[in-house]
Amino acid sequence: MKPYILSLLGGILAGAIYSLIRVRSPAPPMVALVGLLGIVIGTQIIPTGRQLLADSTLPFAKTTMVQAHTTHSPRSNNAKLISGVHANVSPN
């Protein structure tokens, strides 16, 4: 967001300088800028619509992580995996 704000402020500053020295701005007419805004909005409609539809019509598609309950301590499991030897593991 910060680059957009800096860009807007830079454009306002440039416009003010053009106005002070009484020269015409090389920027396109307002109707062209409105058209460009429409293009930007149009490119965001389809992805946003797809995301909204996916979130609202498929509530069962959301998955949650379920942690399995184990009786082994993580340290003993890691020792077993690293050594490759079946270690005697005691429950917590």
Protein backbone atom coordinates (compact mmCIF):
# COMPACT_ATOMS: atom_id res chain seq x y z
CA MET A 1 0.00 0.00 0.00
CA LYS A 2 2.89 2.34 0.77
CA PRO A 3 4.13 2.47 -2.88
CA TYR A 4 0.63 3.45 -4.04
CA ILE A 5 0.43 6.29 -1.52
CA LEU A 6 3.91 7.53 -2.44
CA SER A 7 3.02 7.36 -6.12
CA LEU A 8 -0.19 9.34 -5.53
CA LEU A 9 1.67 11.97 -3.50
CA GLY A 10 4.36 12.24 -6.19
CA GLY A 11 1.69 12.72 -8.84
CA ILE A 12 -0.04 15.42 -6.80
CA LEU A 13 3.30 17.19 -6.32
CA ALA A 14 4.05 17.03 -10.04
CA GLY A 15 0.57 18.34 -10.86
CA ALA A 16 1.00 21.24 -8.44
CA ILE A 17 4.37 22.14 -9.99
CA TYR A 18 2.85 22.04 -13.50
CA SER A 19 0.07 24.32 -12.28
CA LEU A 20 2.50 26.76 -10.66
CA ILE A 21 4.63 27.14 -13.79
CA ARG A 22 1.46 27.24 -15.92
CA VAL A 23 2.21 24.35 -18.30
CA ARG A 24 -0.18 21.70 -19.49
CA SER A 25 0.25 18.29 -17.84
CA PRO A 26 1.36 15.48 -20.15
CA ALA A 27 -1.06 13.12 -18.38
CA PRO A 28 -3.86 11.56 -20.44
CA PRO A 29 -7.36 13.05 -20.23
CA MET A 30 -9.57 12.11 -17.29
CA VAL A 31 -11.75 9.82 -19.42
CA ALA A 32 -8.69 7.68 -20.26
CA LEU A 33 -7.75 7.43 -16.59
CA VAL A 34 -11.28 6.33 -15.70
CA GLY A 35 -11.02 3.68 -18.42
CA LEU A 36 -7.76 2.41 -16.94
CA LEU A 37 -9.39 2.23 -13.53
CA GLY A 38 -12.17 0.15 -15.09
CA ILE A 39 -9.60 -2.24 -16.55
CA VAL A 40 -7.93 -2.69 -13.15
CA ILE A 41 -11.27 -3.34 -11.48
CA GLY A 42 -12.30 -5.73 -14.26
CA THR A 43 -9.15 -7.81 -13.87
CA GLN A 44 -9.93 -8.27 -10.17
CA ILE A 45 -13.61 -9.23 -10.54
CA ILE A 46 -13.14 -12.80 -11.82
CA PRO A 47 -10.53 -13.96 -9.26
CA THR A 48 -12.42 -12.31 -6.41
CA GLY A 49 -15.72 -13.82 -7.56
CA ARG A 50 -14.18 -17.28 -7.82
CA GLN A 51 -12.77 -17.01 -4.33
CA LEU A 52 -16.07 -15.81 -2.89
CA LEU A 53 -18.00 -18.60 -4.60
CA ALA A 54 -15.50 -21.22 -3.48
CA ASP A 55 -15.67 -20.00 0.11
CA SER A 56 -19.48 -19.84 0.26
CA THR A 57 -20.60 -22.89 -1.72
CA LEU A 58 -18.10 -25.46 -0.49
CA PRO A 59 -17.90 -25.16 3.28
CA PHE A 60 -16.96 -28.82 3.56
CA ALA A 61 -13.83 -28.21 1.47
CA LYS A 62 -12.18 -26.39 4.34
CA THR A 63 -9.91 -28.77 6.17
CA THR A 64 -8.66 -28.53 9.69
CA MET A 65 -5.57 -30.01 11.18
CA VAL A 66 -6.24 -32.74 13.70
CA GLN A 67 -3.35 -33.63 15.94
CA ALA A 68 -3.16 -37.31 16.76
CA HIS A 69 -2.91 -38.19 20.43
CA THR A 70 0.25 -40.12 21.13
CA THR A 71 1.54 -41.62 24.34
CA HIS A 72 5.18 -41.33 23.28
CA SER A 73 7.39 -38.37 24.03
CA PRO A 74 8.76 -36.56 20.96
CA ARG A 75 12.32 -37.09 22.17
CA SER A 76 12.05 -40.88 22.26
CA ASN A 77 10.39 -40.96 18.83
CA ASN A 78 13.19 -38.85 17.35
CA ALA A 79 15.86 -41.06 18.91
CA LYS A 80 14.15 -44.09 17.44
CA LEU A 81 13.95 -42.54 13.98
CA ILE A 82 17.52 -41.27 13.97
CA SER A 83 19.19 -44.43 15.22
CA GLY A 84 17.04 -46.82 13.23
CA VAL A 85 16.93 -49.06 16.28
CA HIS A 86 13.67 -49.85 18.02
CA ALA A 87 14.11 -48.09 21.35
CA ASN A 88 12.10 -48.92 24.39
CA VAL A 89 9.58 -46.14 24.61
CA SER A 90 7.78 -45.51 27.82
CA PRO A 91 4.40 -43.73 27.98
CA ASN A 92 4.23 -40.27 29.55
